[in-house]
Amino acid sequence: MDKRVADDLAARNYKEFLQLYNKLTQSCFLACVTNLNYRKVTANEQSCIDVCSSKWMNLNQRQMAVFMEVGPLADRMRSQGM
């Protein structure tokens, strides 16, 4: 793999990571932060954020595992004209 392809792949991976991170933070913020009158996050909000972000990360790991399993099979079927 030449340097340009590797750089493009790294940039794409970084962009996908940032998109996932932004989606996670927005979703958990909207679901968990209910009061903006204080500078600090409340204990309930922090607990909700911890659970929410953990669920997002677990979901992403599961999706990637399925993709890694099914992706090559789908590529093979496509290349065989199925």
PDB file of N, CA and C in Angstrom:
ATOM      1  N   MET A   1       0.859  -1.167   0.000  1.00  0.00           N
ATOM      2  CA  MET A   1       0.000   0.000   0.000  1.00  0.00           C
ATOM      3  C   MET A   1       0.903   1.227   0.000  1.00  0.00           C
ATOM      4  N   ASP A   2       0.661   2.115  -0.963  1.00  0.00           N
ATOM      5  CA  ASP A   2       1.510   3.298  -0.995  1.00  0.00           C
ATOM      6  C   ASP A   2       1.069   4.319   0.048  1.00  0.00           C
ATOM      7  N   LYS A   3       1.924   5.298   0.264  1.00  0.00           N
ATOM      8  CA  LYS A   3       1.697   6.271   1.340  1.00  0.00           C
ATOM      9  C   LYS A   3       0.407   7.052   1.143  1.00  0.00           C
ATOM     10  N   ARG A   4       0.083   7.406  -0.080  1.00  0.00           N
ATOM     11  CA  ARG A   4      -1.136   8.194  -0.336  1.00  0.00           C
ATOM     12  C   ARG A   4      -2.389   7.404   0.042  1.00  0.00           C
ATOM     13  N   VAL A   5      -2.426   6.143  -0.333  1.00  0.00           N
ATOM     14  CA  VAL A   5      -3.577   5.296   0.002  1.00  0.00           C
ATOM     15  C   VAL A   5      -3.667   5.127   1.515  1.00  0.00           C
ATOM     16  N   ALA A   6      -2.529   4.908   2.155  1.00  0.00           N
ATOM     17  CA  ALA A   6      -2.515   4.757   3.613  1.00  0.00           C
ATOM     18  C   ALA A   6      -2.985   6.041   4.291  1.00  0.00           C
ATOM     19  N   ASP A   7      -2.542   7.189   3.788  1.00  0.00           N
ATOM     20  CA  ASP A   7      -2.971   8.476   4.351  1.00  0.00           C
ATOM     21  C   ASP A   7      -4.463   8.694   4.156  1.00  0.00           C
ATOM     22  N   ASP A   8      -4.973   8.345   2.983  1.00  0.00           N
ATOM     23  CA  ASP A   8      -6.406   8.483   2.714  1.00  0.00           C
ATOM     24  C   ASP A   8      -7.220   7.575   3.646  1.00  0.00           C
ATOM     25  N   LEU A   9      -6.750   6.370   3.835  1.00  0.00           N
ATOM     26  CA  LEU A   9      -7.427   5.428   4.725  1.00  0.00           C
ATOM     27  C   LEU A   9      -7.411   5.936   6.167  1.00  0.00           C
ATOM     28  N   ALA A  10      -6.277   6.446   6.602  1.00  0.00           N
ATOM     29  CA  ALA A  10      -6.169   6.978   7.967  1.00  0.00           C
ATOM     30  C   ALA A  10      -7.100   8.180   8.144  1.00  0.00           C
ATOM     31  N   ALA A  11      -7.164   9.049   7.145  1.00  0.00           N
ATOM     32  CA  ALA A  11      -8.041  10.226   7.221  1.00  0.00           C
ATOM     33  C   ALA A  11      -9.500   9.792   7.265  1.00  0.00           C
ATOM     34  N   ARG A  12      -9.863   8.801   6.456  1.00  0.00           N
ATOM     35  CA  ARG A  12     -11.241   8.309   6.452  1.00  0.00           C
ATOM     36  C   ARG A  12     -11.608   7.681   7.796  1.00  0.00           C
ATOM     37  N   ASN A  13     -10.690   6.892   8.343  1.00  0.00           N
ATOM     38  CA  ASN A  13     -10.931   6.274   9.649  1.00  0.00           C
ATOM     39  C   ASN A  13     -11.082   7.326  10.734  1.00  0.00           C
ATOM     40  N   TYR A  14     -10.261   8.357  10.695  1.00  0.00           N
ATOM     41  CA  TYR A  14     -10.346   9.430  11.681  1.00  0.00           C
ATOM     42  C   TYR A  14     -11.661  10.187  11.552  1.00  0.00           C
ATOM     43  N   LYS A  15     -12.073  10.447  10.320  1.00  0.00           N
ATOM     44  CA  LYS A  15     -13.345  11.146  10.085  1.00  0.00           C
ATOM     45  C   LYS A  15     -14.509  10.306  10.609  1.00  0.00           C
ATOM     46  N   GLU A  16     -14.492   8.996  10.354  1.00  0.00           N
ATOM     47  CA  GLU A  16     -15.552   8.114  10.844  1.00  0.00           C
ATOM     48  C   GLU A  16     -15.571   8.081  12.368  1.00  0.00           C
ATOM     49  N   PHE A  17     -14.395   8.079  12.996  1.00  0.00           N
ATOM     50  CA  PHE A  17     -14.321   8.104  14.452  1.00  0.00           C
ATOM     51  C   PHE A  17     -14.931   9.390  14.990  1.00  0.00           C
ATOM     52  N   LEU A  18     -14.595  10.524  14.389  1.00  0.00           N
ATOM     53  CA  LEU A  18     -15.139  11.807  14.844  1.00  0.00           C
ATOM     54  C   LEU A  18     -16.652  11.870  14.658  1.00  0.00           C
ATOM     55  N   GLN A  19     -17.149  11.321  13.559  1.00  0.00           N
ATOM     56  CA  GLN A  19     -18.599  11.305  13.341  1.00  0.00           C
ATOM     57  C   GLN A  19     -19.289  10.457  14.408  1.00  0.00           C
ATOM     58  N   LEU A  20     -18.734   9.306  14.718  1.00  0.00           N
ATOM     59  CA  LEU A  20     -19.295   8.446  15.762  1.00  0.00           C
ATOM     60  C   LEU A  20     -19.245   9.144  17.114  1.00  0.00           C
ATOM     61  N   TYR A  21     -18.109   9.760  17.417  1.00  0.00           N
ATOM     62  CA  TYR A  21     -17.962  10.465  18.687  1.00  0.00           C
ATOM     63  C   TYR A  21     -18.979  11.602  18.797  1.00  0.00           C
ATOM     64  N   ASN A  22     -19.138  12.368  17.734  1.00  0.00           N
ATOM     65  CA  ASN A  22     -20.104  13.472  17.750  1.00  0.00           C
ATOM     66  C   ASN A  22     -21.531  12.966  17.918  1.00  0.00           C
ATOM     67  N   LYS A  23     -21.859  11.879  17.250  1.00  0.00           N
ATOM     68  CA  LYS A  23     -23.197  11.307  17.372  1.00  0.00           C
ATOM     69  C   LYS A  23     -23.443  10.801  18.789  1.00  0.00           C
ATOM     70  N   LEU A  24     -22.441  10.137  19.353  1.00  0.00           N
ATOM     71  CA  LEU A  24     -22.538   9.632  20.722  1.00  0.00           C
ATOM     72  C   LEU A  24     -22.726  10.782  21.700  1.00  0.00           C
ATOM     73  N   THR A  25     -21.898  11.800  21.618  1.00  0.00           N
ATOM     74  CA  THR A  25     -21.985  12.901  22.577  1.00  0.00           C
ATOM     75  C   THR A  25     -23.306  13.650  22.442  1.00  0.00           C
ATOM     76  N   GLN A  26     -23.753  13.870  21.216  1.00  0.00           N
ATOM     77  CA  GLN A  26     -25.021  14.572  21.029  1.00  0.00           C
ATOM     78  C   GLN A  26     -26.183  13.752  21.583  1.00  0.00           C
ATOM     79  N   SER A  27     -26.207  12.476  21.272  1.00  0.00           N
ATOM     80  CA  SER A  27     -27.289  11.614  21.727  1.00  0.00           C
ATOM     81  C   SER A  27     -27.328  11.530  23.253  1.00  0.00           C
ATOM     82  N   CYS A  28     -26.177  11.292  23.865  1.00  0.00           N
ATOM     83  CA  CYS A  28     -26.134  11.161  25.325  1.00  0.00           C
ATOM     84  C   CYS A  28     -26.407  12.500  25.998  1.00  0.00           C
ATOM     85  N   PHE A  29     -25.942  13.592  25.428  1.00  0.00           N
ATOM     86  CA  PHE A  29     -26.233  14.910  26.005  1.00  0.00           C
ATOM     87  C   PHE A  29     -27.729  15.172  25.992  1.00  0.00           C
ATOM     88  N   LEU A  30     -28.363  14.945  24.853  1.00  0.00           N
ATOM     89  CA  LEU A  30     -29.798  15.197  24.750  1.00  0.00           C
ATOM     90  C   LEU A  30     -30.605  14.290  25.676  1.00  0.00           C
ATOM     91  N   ALA A  31     -30.148  13.067  25.857  1.00  0.00           N
ATOM     92  CA  ALA A  31     -30.877  12.116  26.698  1.00  0.00           C
ATOM     93  C   ALA A  31     -30.632  12.344  28.190  1.00  0.00           C
ATOM     94  N   CYS A  32     -29.465  12.857  28.546  1.00  0.00           N
ATOM     95  CA  CYS A  32     -29.080  12.856  29.964  1.00  0.00           C
ATOM     96  C   CYS A  32     -29.016  14.227  30.628  1.00  0.00           C
ATOM     97  N   VAL A  33     -28.646  15.241  29.898  1.00  0.00           N
ATOM     98  CA  VAL A  33     -28.486  16.556  30.517  1.00  0.00           C
ATOM     99  C   VAL A  33     -29.826  17.275  30.452  1.00  0.00           C
ATOM    100  N   THR A  34     -30.394  17.488  31.624  1.00  0.00           N
ATOM    101  CA  THR A  34     -31.750  18.039  31.679  1.00  0.00           C
ATOM    102  C   THR A  34     -31.805  19.453  32.234  1.00  0.00           C
ATOM    103  N   ASN A  35     -30.719  19.908  32.839  1.00  0.00           N
ATOM    104  CA  ASN A  35     -30.742  21.215  33.478  1.00  0.00           C
ATOM    105  C   ASN A  35     -29.420  21.927  33.197  1.00  0.00           C
ATOM    106  N   LEU A  36     -29.492  23.050  32.500  1.00  0.00           N
ATOM    107  CA  LEU A  36     -28.288  23.795  32.153  1.00  0.00           C
ATOM    108  C   LEU A  36     -28.061  24.982  33.093  1.00  0.00           C
ATOM    109  N   ASN A  37     -28.705  24.985  34.244  1.00  0.00           N
ATOM    110  CA  ASN A  37     -28.569  26.091  35.187  1.00  0.00           C
ATOM    111  C   ASN A  37     -27.317  25.989  36.051  1.00  0.00           C
ATOM    112  N   TYR A  38     -26.600  24.874  35.980  1.00  0.00           N
ATOM    113  CA  TYR A  38     -25.434  24.674  36.824  1.00  0.00           C
ATOM    114  C   TYR A  38     -24.203  24.446  35.963  1.00  0.00           C
ATOM    115  N   ARG A  39     -23.056  24.819  36.484  1.00  0.00           N
ATOM    116  CA  ARG A  39     -21.803  24.618  35.753  1.00  0.00           C
ATOM    117  C   ARG A  39     -21.407  23.149  35.706  1.00  0.00           C
ATOM    118  N   LYS A  40     -21.703  22.432  36.757  1.00  0.00           N
ATOM    119  CA  LYS A  40     -21.284  21.032  36.858  1.00  0.00           C
ATOM    120  C   LYS A  40     -22.433  20.095  36.499  1.00  0.00           C
ATOM    121  N   VAL A  41     -22.052  18.935  36.014  1.00  0.00           N
ATOM    122  CA  VAL A  41     -23.014  17.881  35.705  1.00  0.00           C
ATOM    123  C   VAL A  41     -23.448  17.247  37.026  1.00  0.00           C
ATOM    124  N   THR A  42     -24.740  17.004  37.180  1.00  0.00           N
ATOM    125  CA  THR A  42     -25.223  16.386  38.419  1.00  0.00           C
ATOM    126  C   THR A  42     -24.843  14.910  38.459  1.00  0.00           C
ATOM    127  N   ALA A  43     -24.950  14.314  39.619  1.00  0.00           N
ATOM    128  CA  ALA A  43     -24.627  12.889  39.768  1.00  0.00           C
ATOM    129  C   ALA A  43     -25.542  12.029  38.905  1.00  0.00           C
ATOM    130  N   ASN A  44     -26.821  12.369  38.841  1.00  0.00           N
ATOM    131  CA  ASN A  44     -27.753  11.608  38.004  1.00  0.00           C
ATOM    132  C   ASN A  44     -27.402  11.744  36.531  1.00  0.00           C
ATOM    133  N   GLU A  45     -27.058  12.956  36.108  1.00  0.00           N
ATOM    134  CA  GLU A  45     -26.675  13.167  34.711  1.00  0.00           C
ATOM    135  C   GLU A  45     -25.399  12.401  34.377  1.00  0.00           C
ATOM    136  N   GLN A  46     -24.430  12.429  35.284  1.00  0.00           N
ATOM    137  CA  GLN A  46     -23.174  11.717  35.054  1.00  0.00           C
ATOM    138  C   GLN A  46     -23.409  10.216  34.942  1.00  0.00           C
ATOM    139  N   SER A  47     -24.253   9.687  35.805  1.00  0.00           N
ATOM    140  CA  SER A  47     -24.578   8.269  35.754  1.00  0.00           C
ATOM    141  C   SER A  47     -25.248   7.918  34.427  1.00  0.00           C
ATOM    142  N   CYS A  48     -26.191   8.750  34.005  1.00  0.00           N
ATOM    143  CA  CYS A  48     -26.875   8.535  32.730  1.00  0.00           C
ATOM    144  C   CYS A  48     -25.886   8.579  31.568  1.00  0.00           C
ATOM    145  N   ILE A  49     -24.974   9.545  31.595  1.00  0.00           N
ATOM    146  CA  ILE A  49     -23.969   9.679  30.532  1.00  0.00           C
ATOM    147  C   ILE A  49     -23.071   8.449  30.489  1.00  0.00           C
ATOM    148  N   ASP A  50     -22.669   7.960  31.655  1.00  0.00           N
ATOM    149  CA  ASP A  50     -21.822   6.761  31.712  1.00  0.00           C
ATOM    150  C   ASP A  50     -22.516   5.559  31.080  1.00  0.00           C
ATOM    151  N   VAL A  51     -23.781   5.346  31.434  1.00  0.00           N
ATOM    152  CA  VAL A  51     -24.549   4.221  30.892  1.00  0.00           C
ATOM    153  C   VAL A  51     -24.759   4.404  29.390  1.00  0.00           C
ATOM    154  N   CYS A  52     -25.149   5.608  28.999  1.00  0.00           N
ATOM    155  CA  CYS A  52     -25.423   5.900  27.592  1.00  0.00           C
ATOM    156  C   CYS A  52     -24.175   5.687  26.723  1.00  0.00           C
ATOM    157  N   SER A  53     -23.059   6.246  27.133  1.00  0.00           N
ATOM    158  CA  SER A  53     -21.841   6.114  26.327  1.00  0.00           C
ATOM    159  C   SER A  53     -21.361   4.668  26.289  1.00  0.00           C
ATOM    160  N   SER A  54     -21.529   3.952  27.384  1.00  0.00           N
ATOM    161  CA  SER A  54     -21.152   2.541  27.409  1.00  0.00           C
ATOM    162  C   SER A  54     -21.999   1.733  26.423  1.00  0.00           C
ATOM    163  N   LYS A  55     -23.296   2.017  26.395  1.00  0.00           N
ATOM    164  CA  LYS A  55     -24.179   1.324  25.449  1.00  0.00           C
ATOM    165  C   LYS A  55     -23.786   1.637  24.008  1.00  0.00           C
ATOM    166  N   TRP A  56     -23.478   2.898  23.732  1.00  0.00           N
ATOM    167  CA  TRP A  56     -23.056   3.287  22.379  1.00  0.00           C
ATOM    168  C   TRP A  56     -21.796   2.547  21.964  1.00  0.00           C
ATOM    169  N   MET A  57     -20.833   2.460  22.866  1.00  0.00           N
ATOM    170  CA  MET A  57     -19.577   1.798  22.534  1.00  0.00           C
ATOM    171  C   MET A  57     -19.796   0.298  22.317  1.00  0.00           C
ATOM    172  N   ASN A  58     -20.602  -0.320  23.151  1.00  0.00           N
ATOM    173  CA  ASN A  58     -20.911  -1.743  22.976  1.00  0.00           C
ATOM    174  C   ASN A  58     -21.633  -1.986  21.658  1.00  0.00           C
ATOM    175  N   LEU A  59     -22.581  -1.118  21.328  1.00  0.00           N
ATOM    176  CA  LEU A  59     -23.295  -1.237  20.061  1.00  0.00           C
ATOM    177  C   LEU A  59     -22.325  -1.122  18.888  1.00  0.00           C
ATOM    178  N   ASN A  60     -21.439  -0.152  18.942  1.00  0.00           N
ATOM    179  CA  ASN A  60     -20.479   0.031  17.862  1.00  0.00           C
ATOM    180  C   ASN A  60     -19.567  -1.186  17.721  1.00  0.00           C
ATOM    181  N   GLN A  61     -19.112  -1.743  18.833  1.00  0.00           N
ATOM    182  CA  GLN A  61     -18.260  -2.931  18.783  1.00  0.00           C
ATOM    183  C   GLN A  61     -19.003  -4.114  18.165  1.00  0.00           C
ATOM    184  N   ARG A  62     -20.262  -4.285  18.527  1.00  0.00           N
ATOM    185  CA  ARG A  62     -21.062  -5.377  17.956  1.00  0.00           C
ATOM    186  C   ARG A  62     -21.271  -5.183  16.454  1.00  0.00           C
ATOM    187  N   GLN A  63     -21.570  -3.949  16.063  1.00  0.00           N
ATOM    188  CA  GLN A  63     -21.774  -3.671  14.643  1.00  0.00           C
ATOM    189  C   GLN A  63     -20.502  -3.951  13.852  1.00  0.00           C
ATOM    190  N   MET A  64     -19.364  -3.549  14.379  1.00  0.00           N
ATOM    191  CA  MET A  64     -18.103  -3.783  13.684  1.00  0.00           C
ATOM    192  C   MET A  64     -17.798  -5.285  13.599  1.00  0.00           C
ATOM    193  N   ALA A  65     -18.118  -6.029  14.643  1.00  0.00           N
ATOM    194  CA  ALA A  65     -17.885  -7.475  14.619  1.00  0.00           C
ATOM    195  C   ALA A  65     -18.739  -8.134  13.540  1.00  0.00           C
ATOM    196  N   VAL A  66     -19.989  -7.730  13.432  1.00  0.00           N
ATOM    197  CA  VAL A  66     -20.867  -8.279  12.403  1.00  0.00           C
ATOM    198  C   VAL A  66     -20.374  -7.870  11.027  1.00  0.00           C
ATOM    199  N   PHE A  67     -19.994  -6.618  10.887  1.00  0.00           N
ATOM    200  CA  PHE A  67     -19.486  -6.138   9.607  1.00  0.00           C
ATOM    201  C   PHE A  67     -18.246  -6.918   9.183  1.00  0.00           C
ATOM    202  N   MET A  68     -17.341  -7.166  10.122  1.00  0.00           N
ATOM    203  CA  MET A  68     -16.119  -7.909   9.799  1.00  0.00           C
ATOM    204  C   MET A  68     -16.435  -9.350   9.410  1.00  0.00           C
ATOM    205  N   GLU A  69     -17.509  -9.894   9.953  1.00  0.00           N
ATOM    206  CA  GLU A  69     -17.899 -11.266   9.653  1.00  0.00           C
ATOM    207  C   GLU A  69     -18.646 -11.347   8.327  1.00  0.00           C
ATOM    208  N   VAL A  70     -19.585 -10.438   8.107  1.00  0.00           N
ATOM    209  CA  VAL A  70     -20.472 -10.505   6.955  1.00  0.00           C
ATOM    210  C   VAL A  70     -19.892  -9.786   5.734  1.00  0.00           C
ATOM    211  N   GLY A  71     -19.094  -8.751   5.966  1.00  0.00           N
ATOM    212  CA  GLY A  71     -18.547  -7.959   4.865  1.00  0.00           C
ATOM    213  C   GLY A  71     -17.827  -8.781   3.807  1.00  0.00           C
ATOM    214  N   PRO A  72     -16.860  -9.615   4.193  1.00  0.00           N
ATOM    215  CA  PRO A  72     -16.150 -10.419   3.195  1.00  0.00           C
ATOM    216  C   PRO A  72     -17.075 -11.376   2.429  1.00  0.00           C
ATOM    217  N   LEU A  73     -18.068 -11.924   3.116  1.00  0.00           N
ATOM    218  CA  LEU A  73     -19.031 -12.810   2.460  1.00  0.00           C
ATOM    219  C   LEU A  73     -19.833 -12.042   1.416  1.00  0.00           C
ATOM    220  N   ALA A  74     -20.288 -10.864   1.753  1.00  0.00           N
ATOM    221  CA  ALA A  74     -21.048 -10.039   0.809  1.00  0.00           C
ATOM    222  C   ALA A  74     -20.179  -9.652  -0.380  1.00  0.00           C
ATOM    223  N   ASP A  75     -18.917  -9.315  -0.144  1.00  0.00           N
ATOM    224  CA  ASP A  75     -18.002  -8.976  -1.235  1.00  0.00           C
ATOM    225  C   ASP A  75     -17.800 -10.166  -2.166  1.00  0.00           C
ATOM    226  N   ARG A  76     -17.652 -11.344  -1.578  1.00  0.00           N
ATOM    227  CA  ARG A  76     -17.458 -12.555  -2.370  1.00  0.00           C
ATOM    228  C   ARG A  76     -18.689 -12.833  -3.240  1.00  0.00           C
ATOM    229  N   MET A  77     -19.884 -12.690  -2.648  1.00  0.00           N
ATOM    230  CA  MET A  77     -21.113 -12.927  -3.402  1.00  0.00           C
ATOM    231  C   MET A  77     -21.255 -11.917  -4.529  1.00  0.00           C
ATOM    232  N   ARG A  78     -20.922 -10.656  -4.267  1.00  0.00           N
ATOM    233  CA  ARG A  78     -20.983  -9.628  -5.295  1.00  0.00           C
ATOM    234  C   ARG A  78     -20.021  -9.925  -6.435  1.00  0.00           C
ATOM    235  N   SER A  79     -18.829 -10.386  -6.097  1.00  0.00           N
ATOM    236  CA  SER A  79     -17.828 -10.655  -7.134  1.00  0.00           C
ATOM    237  C   SER A  79     -18.209 -11.872  -7.979  1.00  0.00           C
ATOM    238  N   GLN A  80     -19.037 -12.773  -7.425  1.00  0.00           N
ATOM    239  CA  GLN A  80     -19.480 -13.951  -8.160  1.00  0.00           C
ATOM    240  C   GLN A  80     -20.769 -13.675  -8.937  1.00  0.00           C
ATOM    241  N   GLY A  81     -21.283 -12.465  -8.819  1.00  0.00           N
ATOM    242  CA  GLY A  81     -22.473 -12.090  -9.577  1.00  0.00           C
ATOM    243  C   GLY A  81     -23.774 -12.577  -8.979  1.00  0.00           C
ATOM    244  N   MET A  82     -23.816 -12.829  -7.717  1.00  0.00           N
ATOM    245  CA  MET A  82     -25.041 -13.323  -7.071  1.00  0.00           C
ATOM    246  C   MET A  82     -25.911 -12.196  -6.639  1.00  0.00           C
TER     247      MET A  82
END
